[in-house]
Amino acid sequence: MERFGFDKRREYLPEYEQCTDSAKRRQLFLRLFNASVDQELRFGKEDMKKCIDCDLYTIFTQKIHSLLYVGSVPGISPVDPKKVQLDKYAIGRVDKFLKANPLKMQPQPFSTSFDRSGSFDSAVRLISYFSGTEPAMMINSDQLFKGFVQKNIEQIKANRLVRGDEDSIDLLPRSSRGIKIYPYWHHLSKKAPLVEKHLKRAVACINGGDFKQVYLVYPKNKDFNKHIEVKVRELDSCSDYGIKLIPYSLKSII
């Protein structure tokens, strides 16, 4: 299982044929991450620009610092963050993070014009992605890709229900049978157009009876740019099944 992420010394970045340098690969990671999280945790254009000169560890810690500390606004009395009622466990997570990643400048106090609880909660949620005694973030590549695929499917207006599980997506049209989608961050090639364990999972899903159509979705590349229908002897007795390999474009995020 491939993972993407970083620690203080190294980066484990996604590889893609159109992302030819570290800056573009960092941006690809951030955009895949954005598709998997709520709006308040996402990285914006200014963060993307930082990818040229900064590593991901720096970009993430800077965002967390910005969520924890907000400059005071002229004419508005600042609020002492120690007096804000916050969850003790969350405060402990933040304290541990700040000891490992201290600010290089004196933070400004919270301002009454800012949603302290929402900002603090977002910081804690970002910190929760870090793990280990030496803070690091490592995320399953399939889960990141699955978040991107699901977000795009949900944005397409159609008469259907989209339901996401931990590692798959159910596409449930109102007037026809559903489709099970398994997204995988795996680069198919002409020499290796099939991944046996992925195919076995599709067969098991069809044999389970809930879905007769299964799509195995992978990043589109120059060697894999067309739908491929797969036939399996084990399912010969099932006349209405379908297994397709689907190339999925990343153009919307690169």
C-alpha atoms as a PDB file:
ATOM      1  CA  MET A   1       0.000   0.000   0.000  1.00  0.00           C
ATOM      2  CA  GLU A   2       1.509   3.295  -1.111  1.00  0.00           C
ATOM      3  CA  ARG A   3       1.401   6.317   1.165  1.00  0.00           C
ATOM      4  CA  PHE A   4       1.984  10.012   0.538  1.00  0.00           C
ATOM      5  CA  GLY A   5       3.132  12.497   3.128  1.00  0.00           C
ATOM      6  CA  PHE A   6       6.108  13.986   4.892  1.00  0.00           C
ATOM      7  CA  ASP A   7       8.080  14.462   8.064  1.00  0.00           C
ATOM      8  CA  LYS A   8      10.592  17.125   9.033  1.00  0.00           C
ATOM      9  CA  ARG A   9      13.314  15.719   6.790  1.00  0.00           C
ATOM     10  CA  ARG A  10      11.636  13.915   3.891  1.00  0.00           C
ATOM     11  CA  GLU A  11       8.694  14.091   1.532  1.00  0.00           C
ATOM     12  CA  TYR A  12       6.847  11.162  -0.029  1.00  0.00           C
ATOM     13  CA  LEU A  13       5.133  12.813  -2.956  1.00  0.00           C
ATOM     14  CA  PRO A  14       2.715  11.473  -5.576  1.00  0.00           C
ATOM     15  CA  GLU A  15       4.209  10.810  -8.981  1.00  0.00           C
ATOM     16  CA  TYR A  16       2.337  11.732 -12.130  1.00  0.00           C
ATOM     17  CA  GLU A  17       3.579  12.167 -15.680  1.00  0.00           C
ATOM     18  CA  GLN A  18       2.601  15.856 -15.869  1.00  0.00           C
ATOM     19  CA  CYS A  19       4.153  16.717 -12.499  1.00  0.00           C
ATOM     20  CA  THR A  20       7.822  16.866 -13.353  1.00  0.00           C
ATOM     21  CA  ASP A  21       9.304  18.673 -10.336  1.00  0.00           C
ATOM     22  CA  SER A  22       8.939  18.764  -6.553  1.00  0.00           C
ATOM     23  CA  ALA A  23       6.864  21.959  -6.525  1.00  0.00           C
ATOM     24  CA  LYS A  24       4.206  20.503  -8.836  1.00  0.00           C
ATOM     25  CA  ARG A  25       4.159  17.243  -6.903  1.00  0.00           C
ATOM     26  CA  ARG A  26       3.641  19.147  -3.646  1.00  0.00           C
ATOM     27  CA  GLN A  27       0.773  21.027  -5.276  1.00  0.00           C
ATOM     28  CA  LEU A  28      -0.738  17.752  -6.458  1.00  0.00           C
ATOM     29  CA  PHE A  29      -0.586  16.410  -2.895  1.00  0.00           C
ATOM     30  CA  LEU A  30      -2.295  19.524  -1.511  1.00  0.00           C
ATOM     31  CA  ARG A  31      -5.037  19.377  -4.137  1.00  0.00           C
ATOM     32  CA  LEU A  32      -5.690  15.701  -3.500  1.00  0.00           C
ATOM     33  CA  PHE A  33      -5.766  16.516   0.208  1.00  0.00           C
ATOM     34  CA  ASN A  34      -8.195  19.394  -0.421  1.00  0.00           C
ATOM     35  CA  ALA A  35     -10.610  17.037  -2.165  1.00  0.00           C
ATOM     36  CA  SER A  36     -10.664  14.778   0.891  1.00  0.00           C
ATOM     37  CA  VAL A  37     -11.310  17.339   3.634  1.00  0.00           C
ATOM     38  CA  ASP A  38     -13.835  20.018   4.567  1.00  0.00           C
ATOM     39  CA  GLN A  39     -13.560  23.560   3.240  1.00  0.00           C
ATOM     40  CA  GLU A  40     -11.978  25.054   6.377  1.00  0.00           C
ATOM     41  CA  LEU A  41      -9.022  22.637   6.201  1.00  0.00           C
ATOM     42  CA  ARG A  42      -8.186  23.254   2.548  1.00  0.00           C
ATOM     43  CA  PHE A  43      -5.145  25.051   1.180  1.00  0.00           C
ATOM     44  CA  GLY A  44      -5.569  28.068  -1.084  1.00  0.00           C
ATOM     45  CA  LYS A  45      -3.696  29.757  -3.921  1.00  0.00           C
ATOM     46  CA  GLU A  46      -1.129  31.388  -1.644  1.00  0.00           C
ATOM     47  CA  ASP A  47      -0.327  28.018  -0.099  1.00  0.00           C
ATOM     48  CA  MET A  48       0.144  26.552  -3.582  1.00  0.00           C
ATOM     49  CA  LYS A  49       2.667  29.292  -4.384  1.00  0.00           C
ATOM     50  CA  LYS A  50       4.684  28.339  -1.306  1.00  0.00           C
ATOM     51  CA  CYS A  51       5.306  24.900  -2.833  1.00  0.00           C
ATOM     52  CA  ILE A  52       8.092  26.417  -4.941  1.00  0.00           C
ATOM     53  CA  ASP A  53      10.255  27.367  -1.944  1.00  0.00           C
ATOM     54  CA  CYS A  54       8.804  25.461   1.030  1.00  0.00           C
ATOM     55  CA  ASP A  55       8.383  21.802   1.850  1.00  0.00           C
ATOM     56  CA  LEU A  56       5.021  20.356   2.897  1.00  0.00           C
ATOM     57  CA  TYR A  57       5.967  20.194   6.560  1.00  0.00           C
ATOM     58  CA  THR A  58       6.522  23.951   6.598  1.00  0.00           C
ATOM     59  CA  ILE A  59       3.325  24.664   4.661  1.00  0.00           C
ATOM     60  CA  PHE A  60       1.192  22.567   7.021  1.00  0.00           C
ATOM     61  CA  THR A  61       2.732  23.963  10.202  1.00  0.00           C
ATOM     62  CA  GLN A  62       2.324  27.534   8.942  1.00  0.00           C
ATOM     63  CA  LYS A  63      -1.360  26.919   8.259  1.00  0.00           C
ATOM     64  CA  ILE A  64      -1.882  25.407  11.704  1.00  0.00           C
ATOM     65  CA  HIS A  65      -0.106  28.372  13.315  1.00  0.00           C
ATOM     66  CA  SER A  66      -2.324  30.768  11.349  1.00  0.00           C
ATOM     67  CA  LEU A  67      -5.436  28.976  12.596  1.00  0.00           C
ATOM     68  CA  LEU A  68      -4.262  29.029  16.207  1.00  0.00           C
ATOM     69  CA  TYR A  69      -3.161  32.666  16.323  1.00  0.00           C
ATOM     70  CA  VAL A  70      -5.047  35.593  14.800  1.00  0.00           C
ATOM     71  CA  GLY A  71      -3.834  39.182  14.895  1.00  0.00           C
ATOM     72  CA  SER A  72      -5.899  41.628  16.946  1.00  0.00           C
ATOM     73  CA  VAL A  73      -8.059  44.135  15.124  1.00  0.00           C
ATOM     74  CA  PRO A  74      -7.701  47.887  15.911  1.00  0.00           C
ATOM     75  CA  GLY A  75     -10.529  49.141  18.119  1.00  0.00           C
ATOM     76  CA  ILE A  76     -11.496  45.672  19.318  1.00  0.00           C
ATOM     77  CA  SER A  77     -10.327  44.364  22.672  1.00  0.00           C
ATOM     78  CA  PRO A  78      -8.418  41.094  22.332  1.00  0.00           C
ATOM     79  CA  VAL A  79      -9.610  38.030  24.203  1.00  0.00           C
ATOM     80  CA  ASP A  80      -7.260  35.973  26.346  1.00  0.00           C
ATOM     81  CA  PRO A  81      -7.280  32.471  24.780  1.00  0.00           C
ATOM     82  CA  LYS A  82      -6.681  30.967  28.242  1.00  0.00           C
ATOM     83  CA  LYS A  83     -10.176  32.092  29.223  1.00  0.00           C
ATOM     84  CA  VAL A  84     -11.825  30.427  26.224  1.00  0.00           C
ATOM     85  CA  GLN A  85     -13.507  27.168  27.201  1.00  0.00           C
ATOM     86  CA  LEU A  86     -11.842  24.449  25.100  1.00  0.00           C
ATOM     87  CA  ASP A  87     -11.619  20.685  25.273  1.00  0.00           C
ATOM     88  CA  LYS A  88      -8.680  19.586  27.485  1.00  0.00           C
ATOM     89  CA  TYR A  89      -7.722  16.792  25.078  1.00  0.00           C
ATOM     90  CA  ALA A  90      -7.640  19.253  22.165  1.00  0.00           C
ATOM     91  CA  ILE A  91      -5.501  21.673  24.169  1.00  0.00           C
ATOM     92  CA  GLY A  92      -3.100  18.807  24.903  1.00  0.00           C
ATOM     93  CA  ARG A  93      -2.790  17.986  21.191  1.00  0.00           C
ATOM     94  CA  VAL A  94      -2.099  21.631  20.375  1.00  0.00           C
ATOM     95  CA  ASP A  95       0.423  21.994  23.200  1.00  0.00           C
ATOM     96  CA  LYS A  96       2.314  18.893  22.005  1.00  0.00           C
ATOM     97  CA  PHE A  97       2.328  20.194  18.426  1.00  0.00           C
ATOM     98  CA  LEU A  98       3.604  23.651  19.429  1.00  0.00           C
ATOM     99  CA  LYS A  99       6.419  22.161  21.511  1.00  0.00           C
ATOM    100  CA  ALA A 100       7.584  20.294  18.403  1.00  0.00           C
ATOM    101  CA  ASN A 101       6.892  23.272  16.111  1.00  0.00           C
ATOM    102  CA  PRO A 102       7.343  26.519  18.076  1.00  0.00           C
ATOM    103  CA  LEU A 103       6.468  29.823  16.483  1.00  0.00           C
ATOM    104  CA  LYS A 104       9.462  31.897  15.383  1.00  0.00           C
ATOM    105  CA  MET A 105       7.659  35.103  16.358  1.00  0.00           C
ATOM    106  CA  GLN A 106       5.464  36.194  19.250  1.00  0.00           C
ATOM    107  CA  PRO A 107       1.830  35.330  18.403  1.00  0.00           C
ATOM    108  CA  GLN A 108      -0.860  37.984  18.566  1.00  0.00           C
ATOM    109  CA  PRO A 109      -3.827  37.299  20.887  1.00  0.00           C
ATOM    110  CA  PHE A 110      -7.147  36.046  19.578  1.00  0.00           C
ATOM    111  CA  SER A 111      -9.535  38.755  18.400  1.00  0.00           C
ATOM    112  CA  THR A 112     -13.214  38.985  19.288  1.00  0.00           C
ATOM    113  CA  SER A 113     -13.914  39.464  15.568  1.00  0.00           C
ATOM    114  CA  PHE A 114     -12.736  35.911  14.850  1.00  0.00           C
ATOM    115  CA  ASP A 115     -14.577  32.621  15.334  1.00  0.00           C
ATOM    116  CA  ARG A 116     -12.189  31.247  17.939  1.00  0.00           C
ATOM    117  CA  SER A 117     -13.900  27.878  18.400  1.00  0.00           C
ATOM    118  CA  GLY A 118     -14.082  27.196  14.656  1.00  0.00           C
ATOM    119  CA  SER A 119     -10.476  28.218  14.036  1.00  0.00           C
ATOM    120  CA  PHE A 120      -9.157  26.231  16.974  1.00  0.00           C
ATOM    121  CA  ASP A 121     -11.187  23.183  15.971  1.00  0.00           C
ATOM    122  CA  SER A 122      -9.802  23.345  12.414  1.00  0.00           C
ATOM    123  CA  ALA A 123      -6.248  23.550  13.765  1.00  0.00           C
ATOM    124  CA  VAL A 124      -6.846  20.509  15.975  1.00  0.00           C
ATOM    125  CA  ARG A 125      -8.282  18.569  13.047  1.00  0.00           C
ATOM    126  CA  LEU A 126      -5.202  19.321  10.932  1.00  0.00           C
ATOM    127  CA  ILE A 127      -2.925  18.366  13.819  1.00  0.00           C
ATOM    128  CA  SER A 128      -4.773  15.047  14.105  1.00  0.00           C
ATOM    129  CA  TYR A 129      -3.281  14.023  10.744  1.00  0.00           C
ATOM    130  CA  PHE A 130       0.168  14.080  12.347  1.00  0.00           C
ATOM    131  CA  SER A 131       1.346  10.996  14.191  1.00  0.00           C
ATOM    132  CA  GLY A 132       4.409   9.533  15.902  1.00  0.00           C
ATOM    133  CA  THR A 133       6.839  10.888  18.469  1.00  0.00           C
ATOM    134  CA  GLU A 134       8.510  12.844  15.676  1.00  0.00           C
ATOM    135  CA  PRO A 135       5.540  14.502  13.942  1.00  0.00           C
ATOM    136  CA  ALA A 136       4.856  13.106  10.492  1.00  0.00           C
ATOM    137  CA  MET A 137       1.878  12.883   8.158  1.00  0.00           C
ATOM    138  CA  MET A 138       1.352   9.814   6.007  1.00  0.00           C
ATOM    139  CA  ILE A 139      -1.922   9.228   4.135  1.00  0.00           C
ATOM    140  CA  ASN A 140      -3.061   6.213   2.128  1.00  0.00           C
ATOM    141  CA  SER A 141      -2.721   7.170  -1.548  1.00  0.00           C
ATOM    142  CA  ASP A 142      -5.877   5.257  -2.506  1.00  0.00           C
ATOM    143  CA  GLN A 143      -7.896   7.220   0.066  1.00  0.00           C
ATOM    144  CA  LEU A 144      -6.630  10.542  -1.278  1.00  0.00           C
ATOM    145  CA  PHE A 145      -7.499   9.533  -4.830  1.00  0.00           C
ATOM    146  CA  LYS A 146     -10.874   8.190  -3.717  1.00  0.00           C
ATOM    147  CA  GLY A 147     -11.683  11.569  -2.126  1.00  0.00           C
ATOM    148  CA  PHE A 148     -10.838  13.350  -5.377  1.00  0.00           C
ATOM    149  CA  VAL A 149     -12.952  10.987  -7.508  1.00  0.00           C
ATOM    150  CA  GLN A 150     -15.914  11.147  -5.125  1.00  0.00           C
ATOM    151  CA  LYS A 151     -15.844  14.934  -4.936  1.00  0.00           C
ATOM    152  CA  ASN A 152     -15.947  15.191  -8.740  1.00  0.00           C
ATOM    153  CA  ILE A 153     -18.779  12.672  -9.036  1.00  0.00           C
ATOM    154  CA  GLU A 154     -20.824  14.526  -6.410  1.00  0.00           C
ATOM    155  CA  GLN A 155     -20.427  17.789  -8.337  1.00  0.00           C
ATOM    156  CA  ILE A 156     -22.034  16.310 -11.445  1.00  0.00           C
ATOM    157  CA  LYS A 157     -25.743  17.028 -11.272  1.00  0.00           C
ATOM    158  CA  ALA A 158     -27.654  13.861 -12.065  1.00  0.00           C
ATOM    159  CA  ASN A 159     -30.640  11.882 -10.842  1.00  0.00           C
ATOM    160  CA  ARG A 160     -28.599   9.579  -8.622  1.00  0.00           C
ATOM    161  CA  LEU A 161     -27.342   9.053  -5.105  1.00  0.00           C
ATOM    162  CA  VAL A 162     -23.601   9.031  -4.384  1.00  0.00           C
ATOM    163  CA  ARG A 163     -22.537   7.203  -1.255  1.00  0.00           C
ATOM    164  CA  GLY A 164     -18.936   6.943  -0.101  1.00  0.00           C
ATOM    165  CA  ASP A 165     -17.539   4.154   2.042  1.00  0.00           C
ATOM    166  CA  GLU A 166     -14.037   4.002   3.498  1.00  0.00           C
ATOM    167  CA  ASP A 167     -12.379   2.875   0.245  1.00  0.00           C
ATOM    168  CA  SER A 168     -15.148   2.740  -2.370  1.00  0.00           C
ATOM    169  CA  ILE A 169     -17.986   4.759  -3.876  1.00  0.00           C
ATOM    170  CA  ASP A 170     -21.527   3.588  -4.557  1.00  0.00           C
ATOM    171  CA  LEU A 171     -23.251   5.222  -7.507  1.00  0.00           C
ATOM    172  CA  LEU A 172     -26.992   4.620  -7.171  1.00  0.00           C
ATOM    173  CA  PRO A 173     -29.119   5.874 -10.107  1.00  0.00           C
ATOM    174  CA  ARG A 174     -32.829   6.303  -9.398  1.00  0.00           C
ATOM    175  CA  SER A 175     -34.004   4.116 -12.262  1.00  0.00           C
ATOM    176  CA  SER A 176     -31.249   1.549 -12.842  1.00  0.00           C
ATOM    177  CA  ARG A 177     -28.859  -0.751 -11.015  1.00  0.00           C
ATOM    178  CA  GLY A 178     -26.100   0.665  -8.922  1.00  0.00           C
ATOM    179  CA  ILE A 179     -22.385   0.790  -9.716  1.00  0.00           C
ATOM    180  CA  LYS A 180     -19.593   0.039  -7.270  1.00  0.00           C
ATOM    181  CA  ILE A 181     -16.471   2.168  -7.830  1.00  0.00           C
ATOM    182  CA  TYR A 182     -13.055   1.242  -6.451  1.00  0.00           C
ATOM    183  CA  PRO A 183     -10.506   4.055  -6.967  1.00  0.00           C
ATOM    184  CA  TYR A 184      -6.826   3.071  -6.870  1.00  0.00           C
ATOM    185  CA  TRP A 185      -3.746   5.259  -7.100  1.00  0.00           C
ATOM    186  CA  HIS A 186      -1.927   2.856  -9.397  1.00  0.00           C
ATOM    187  CA  HIS A 187      -0.428   3.696 -12.781  1.00  0.00           C
ATOM    188  CA  LEU A 188      -1.526   1.077 -15.308  1.00  0.00           C
ATOM    189  CA  SER A 189       0.642   0.440 -18.341  1.00  0.00           C
ATOM    190  CA  LYS A 190       0.366  -1.477 -21.604  1.00  0.00           C
ATOM    191  CA  LYS A 191       2.634  -4.162 -20.177  1.00  0.00           C
ATOM    192  CA  ALA A 192       0.582  -4.473 -16.984  1.00  0.00           C
ATOM    193  CA  PRO A 193      -3.027  -3.474 -17.730  1.00  0.00           C
ATOM    194  CA  LEU A 194      -4.503  -5.513 -14.868  1.00  0.00           C
ATOM    195  CA  VAL A 195      -3.897  -5.724 -11.133  1.00  0.00           C
ATOM    196  CA  GLU A 196      -4.926  -9.204 -10.024  1.00  0.00           C
ATOM    197  CA  LYS A 197      -5.948  -8.324  -6.456  1.00  0.00           C
ATOM    198  CA  HIS A 198      -8.116  -5.460  -7.730  1.00  0.00           C
ATOM    199  CA  LEU A 199      -9.834  -7.758 -10.219  1.00  0.00           C
ATOM    200  CA  LYS A 200     -10.452 -10.355  -7.500  1.00  0.00           C
ATOM    201  CA  ARG A 201     -12.116  -7.697  -5.397  1.00  0.00           C
ATOM    202  CA  ALA A 202     -14.414  -6.757  -8.262  1.00  0.00           C
ATOM    203  CA  VAL A 203     -15.370 -10.414  -8.768  1.00  0.00           C
ATOM    204  CA  ALA A 204     -16.059 -10.837  -5.040  1.00  0.00           C
ATOM    205  CA  CYS A 205     -18.272  -7.742  -5.083  1.00  0.00           C
ATOM    206  CA  ILE A 206     -20.329  -9.089  -8.006  1.00  0.00           C
ATOM    207  CA  ASN A 207     -20.599 -12.529  -6.406  1.00  0.00           C
ATOM    208  CA  GLY A 208     -21.815 -10.803  -3.261  1.00  0.00           C
ATOM    209  CA  GLY A 209     -24.963  -9.839  -5.144  1.00  0.00           C
ATOM    210  CA  ASP A 210     -25.354  -6.148  -4.270  1.00  0.00           C
ATOM    211  CA  PHE A 211     -23.717  -4.823  -7.451  1.00  0.00           C
ATOM    212  CA  LYS A 212     -23.407  -6.264 -10.944  1.00  0.00           C
ATOM    213  CA  GLN A 213     -21.418  -3.354 -12.357  1.00  0.00           C
ATOM    214  CA  VAL A 214     -17.973  -2.595 -10.938  1.00  0.00           C
ATOM    215  CA  TYR A 215     -15.602   0.141 -12.074  1.00  0.00           C
ATOM    216  CA  LEU A 216     -11.908   0.012 -11.197  1.00  0.00           C
ATOM    217  CA  VAL A 217     -10.711   3.609 -11.480  1.00  0.00           C
ATOM    218  CA  TYR A 218      -7.066   4.633 -11.955  1.00  0.00           C
ATOM    219  CA  PRO A 219      -5.219   7.865 -12.856  1.00  0.00           C
ATOM    220  CA  LYS A 220      -5.280   8.473 -16.574  1.00  0.00           C
ATOM    221  CA  ASN A 221      -1.932   8.417 -18.365  1.00  0.00           C
ATOM    222  CA  LYS A 222      -0.554   8.170 -21.905  1.00  0.00           C
ATOM    223  CA  ASP A 223      -0.597   4.347 -21.777  1.00  0.00           C
ATOM    224  CA  PHE A 224      -4.026   4.142 -20.160  1.00  0.00           C
ATOM    225  CA  ASN A 225      -6.497   6.570 -21.675  1.00  0.00           C
ATOM    226  CA  LYS A 226      -9.500   4.465 -22.704  1.00  0.00           C
ATOM    227  CA  HIS A 227     -12.104   2.380 -20.901  1.00  0.00           C
ATOM    228  CA  ILE A 228     -11.272  -1.332 -20.867  1.00  0.00           C
ATOM    229  CA  GLU A 229     -13.964  -3.942 -20.359  1.00  0.00           C
ATOM    230  CA  VAL A 230     -12.803  -7.071 -18.553  1.00  0.00           C
ATOM    231  CA  LYS A 231     -14.333 -10.526 -18.853  1.00  0.00           C
ATOM    232  CA  VAL A 232     -13.755 -13.189 -16.199  1.00  0.00           C
ATOM    233  CA  ARG A 233     -14.462 -16.903 -16.650  1.00  0.00           C
ATOM    234  CA  GLU A 234     -15.662 -17.177 -13.087  1.00  0.00           C
ATOM    235  CA  LEU A 235     -18.586 -14.896 -13.980  1.00  0.00           C
ATOM    236  CA  ASP A 236     -19.591 -16.541 -17.279  1.00  0.00           C
ATOM    237  CA  SER A 237     -22.862 -17.689 -15.734  1.00  0.00           C
ATOM    238  CA  CYS A 238     -23.746 -14.092 -14.865  1.00  0.00           C
ATOM    239  CA  SER A 239     -24.932 -12.526 -18.112  1.00  0.00           C
ATOM    240  CA  ASP A 240     -25.511  -8.988 -16.891  1.00  0.00           C
ATOM    241  CA  TYR A 241     -22.279  -8.277 -15.020  1.00  0.00           C
ATOM    242  CA  GLY A 242     -19.715  -5.705 -16.050  1.00  0.00           C
ATOM    243  CA  ILE A 243     -16.179  -4.896 -14.929  1.00  0.00           C
ATOM    244  CA  LYS A 244     -14.506  -1.852 -16.435  1.00  0.00           C
ATOM    245  CA  LEU A 245     -11.115  -0.225 -15.991  1.00  0.00           C
ATOM    246  CA  ILE A 246     -11.679   3.536 -16.027  1.00  0.00           C
ATOM    247  CA  PRO A 247      -8.930   6.126 -16.677  1.00  0.00           C
ATOM    248  CA  TYR A 248      -9.620   9.193 -14.556  1.00  0.00           C
ATOM    249  CA  SER A 249      -8.172  12.546 -15.556  1.00  0.00           C
ATOM    250  CA  LEU A 250      -6.373  14.755 -13.016  1.00  0.00           C
ATOM    251  CA  LYS A 251      -6.535  17.815 -15.282  1.00  0.00           C
ATOM    252  CA  SER A 252      -8.929  19.597 -12.931  1.00  0.00           C
ATOM    253  CA  ILE A 253      -6.282  19.725 -10.194  1.00  0.00           C
ATOM    254  CA  ILE A 254      -2.945  20.075 -12.023  1.00  0.00           C
END
